[in-house]
Amino acid sequence: MIRDMSETDFELFWPTFQSIIQAQETYAFEPTLSKEEAYELWCVQPLKTFVYIENGTVLGSYYLKANAMGPSSHVSNCGYMVCEQARGKGVAKKLCIHSQLVAKQEGFKAMQFNSVVSTNETAVSLWQKLGFEIVGVLPKAYKHLRFGYVDSYVMYKWL
């Protein structure tokens, strides 16, 4: 179900990616990113990118990369996206658990989410259930399309 993402998989994932960034509710990506720019950002720059497929349908994806370099390179960073029809069905949980296992295999000792939008209560709650802690609050760090300036959380877990 979860495997390395191919270019063909990204083509199938692109509508989900595009709708999420255009909603401007959870990701600090430019909402006008082209498919090529998005592919570079999601699939080329990270260390690894995975896709969750069920019955031939792309339900979600995540990338894994180092959060920083040098003496902080032991801390990983991930971003997750789930298609609208699969939300609330455990896909994000499976992706996050998978990402932690892969991060450990890659030698990472911790995982950090740099900007979890506070209004994304479902994600905040899930990450906390999976052992992540809010270690910092960035006041009004995200300009939400519907709610205006809202806080973002830095979340962290030692693996």
Protein backbone atom coordinates (compact mmCIF):
# COMPACT_ATOMS: atom_id res chain seq x y z
CA MET A 1 0.00 0.00 0.00
CA ILE A 2 2.80 2.46 0.82
CA ARG A 3 5.72 2.57 -1.60
CA ASP A 4 8.18 4.94 -3.25
CA MET A 5 6.40 7.54 -5.33
CA SER A 6 7.02 7.48 -9.08
CA GLU A 7 6.54 10.29 -11.56
CA THR A 8 3.37 8.56 -12.75
CA ASP A 9 2.10 8.41 -9.15
CA PHE A 10 2.72 12.14 -8.81
CA GLU A 11 0.59 12.76 -11.91
CA LEU A 12 -2.27 10.97 -10.12
CA PHE A 13 -1.50 12.80 -6.85
CA TRP A 14 -1.28 16.26 -8.45
CA PRO A 15 -5.02 17.12 -8.11
CA THR A 16 -4.81 16.47 -4.36
CA PHE A 17 -1.59 18.47 -4.03
CA GLN A 18 -3.05 21.34 -6.03
CA SER A 19 -6.32 21.48 -4.09
CA ILE A 20 -4.50 21.45 -0.74
CA ILE A 21 -2.14 24.29 -1.58
CA GLN A 22 -4.89 26.34 -3.22
CA ALA A 23 -7.07 26.00 -0.11
CA GLN A 24 -4.36 27.84 1.88
CA GLU A 25 -5.37 26.14 5.12
CA THR A 26 -2.45 23.85 5.94
CA TYR A 27 0.62 24.29 3.71
CA ALA A 28 2.93 27.26 3.29
CA PHE A 29 3.43 26.54 -0.39
CA GLU A 30 2.71 29.13 -3.05
CA PRO A 31 -0.85 28.32 -4.20
CA THR A 32 0.10 28.96 -7.83
CA LEU A 33 2.90 26.37 -7.98
CA SER A 34 3.08 24.62 -11.33
CA LYS A 35 2.97 20.83 -11.48
CA GLU A 36 6.68 20.83 -12.37
CA GLU A 37 7.58 23.06 -9.41
CA ALA A 38 5.44 20.93 -7.11
CA TYR A 39 7.12 17.74 -8.32
CA GLU A 40 10.55 19.26 -7.66
CA LEU A 41 9.49 20.36 -4.16
CA TRP A 42 7.69 17.15 -3.19
CA CYS A 43 9.63 14.42 -5.01
CA VAL A 44 13.08 15.63 -6.05
CA GLN A 45 14.36 17.77 -3.16
CA PRO A 46 13.43 15.41 -0.29
CA LEU A 47 15.45 12.34 0.62
CA LYS A 48 12.47 10.07 -0.07
CA THR A 49 8.84 10.42 -1.11
CA PHE A 50 6.18 7.77 -0.65
CA VAL A 51 2.67 7.24 -1.92
CA TYR A 52 -0.26 5.42 -0.34
CA ILE A 53 -2.26 3.54 -2.97
CA GLU A 54 -5.33 1.41 -2.43
CA ASN A 55 -7.20 -0.30 -5.28
CA GLY A 56 -5.27 1.76 -7.81
CA THR A 57 -6.23 5.07 -6.18
CA VAL A 58 -3.67 7.46 -4.68
CA LEU A 59 -4.98 8.25 -1.21
CA GLY A 60 -2.00 10.18 0.14
CA SER A 61 1.70 10.86 0.14
CA TYR A 62 4.55 12.06 2.29
CA TYR A 63 8.13 13.20 1.90
CA LEU A 64 11.05 12.65 4.26
CA LYS A 65 14.11 14.85 4.50
CA ALA A 66 16.60 16.19 7.01
CA ASN A 67 15.21 19.16 8.90
CA ALA A 68 18.62 20.87 8.95
CA MET A 69 22.25 20.17 8.14
CA GLY A 70 25.45 19.45 10.05
CA PRO A 71 25.04 18.98 13.80
CA SER A 72 21.24 18.99 13.41
CA SER A 73 21.07 16.51 10.54
CA HIS A 74 19.87 13.76 12.87
CA VAL A 75 16.42 15.44 12.97
CA SER A 76 14.06 14.54 10.12
CA ASN A 77 11.17 16.48 8.67
CA CYS A 78 8.08 15.21 6.86
CA GLY A 79 5.10 16.63 5.06
CA TYR A 80 1.90 14.66 4.53
CA MET A 81 -1.07 15.10 2.20
CA VAL A 82 -4.22 12.99 2.04
CA CYS A 83 -6.88 13.23 -0.66
CA GLU A 84 -10.20 14.61 0.48
CA GLN A 85 -12.21 11.38 0.10
CA ALA A 86 -9.70 9.46 2.25
CA ARG A 87 -9.59 11.88 5.19
CA GLY A 88 -10.66 10.49 8.54
CA LYS A 89 -9.96 6.92 7.44
CA GLY A 90 -6.54 6.38 9.02
CA VAL A 91 -4.40 7.21 5.97
CA ALA A 92 -2.46 10.03 7.66
CA LYS A 93 -1.84 7.82 10.69
CA LYS A 94 -0.47 5.01 8.50
CA LEU A 95 1.71 7.48 6.58
CA CYS A 96 3.10 8.99 9.78
CA ILE A 97 3.86 5.61 11.35
CA HIS A 98 5.55 4.52 8.11
CA SER A 99 7.56 7.75 7.96
CA GLN A 100 8.89 7.23 11.47
CA LEU A 101 10.06 3.71 10.61
CA VAL A 102 11.74 4.93 7.43
CA ALA A 103 13.32 7.85 9.31
CA LYS A 104 14.83 5.43 11.82
CA GLN A 105 16.09 3.19 9.00
CA GLU A 106 17.73 6.27 7.45
CA GLY A 107 19.51 7.00 10.73
CA PHE A 108 17.40 9.89 11.98
CA LYS A 109 16.95 10.18 15.74
CA ALA A 110 14.02 12.62 15.84
CA MET A 111 11.27 14.11 13.73
CA GLN A 112 10.17 17.74 13.66
CA PHE A 113 7.23 19.43 12.00
CA ASN A 114 8.15 23.09 11.54
CA SER A 115 4.75 24.63 10.94
CA VAL A 116 1.58 22.77 11.85
CA VAL A 117 -1.24 25.25 11.40
CA SER A 118 -3.11 25.55 14.71
CA THR A 119 -6.52 25.48 13.04
CA ASN A 120 -5.71 22.06 11.56
CA GLU A 121 -7.01 20.46 14.75
CA THR A 122 -7.33 16.99 13.23
CA ALA A 123 -3.63 16.90 12.35
CA VAL A 124 -2.52 18.43 15.66
CA SER A 125 -4.54 15.83 17.58
CA LEU A 126 -3.26 12.94 15.46
CA TRP A 127 0.38 14.00 15.78
CA GLN A 128 -0.06 14.27 19.56
CA LYS A 129 -1.63 10.79 19.72
CA LEU A 130 1.43 9.53 17.82
CA GLY A 131 3.77 11.02 20.44
CA PHE A 132 4.62 14.45 19.01
CA GLU A 133 4.70 17.38 21.36
CA ILE A 134 4.09 21.04 20.68
CA VAL A 135 7.46 22.53 21.54
CA GLY A 136 6.86 26.00 20.18
CA VAL A 137 4.14 28.37 19.06
CA LEU A 138 4.75 30.74 16.17
CA PRO A 139 2.21 33.54 16.74
CA LYS A 140 0.21 34.46 13.64
CA ALA A 141 2.77 32.70 11.43
CA TYR A 142 0.25 31.44 8.88
CA LYS A 143 -2.15 33.51 6.80
CA HIS A 144 -5.15 31.21 6.58
CA LEU A 145 -7.43 31.91 3.64
CA ARG A 146 -10.60 31.85 5.82
CA PHE A 147 -9.38 32.80 9.31
CA GLY A 148 -6.62 35.29 8.58
CA TYR A 149 -3.44 35.17 10.65
CA VAL A 150 -3.33 32.10 12.89
CA ASP A 151 -0.64 30.44 15.00
CA SER A 152 1.55 27.60 13.80
CA TYR A 153 3.08 24.93 16.00
CA VAL A 154 6.52 23.38 15.98
CA MET A 155 6.00 19.73 16.87
CA TYR A 156 8.76 17.29 17.82
CA LYS A 157 9.29 13.65 18.66
CA TRP A 158 12.43 11.74 19.62
CA LEU A 159 12.32 8.51 17.63
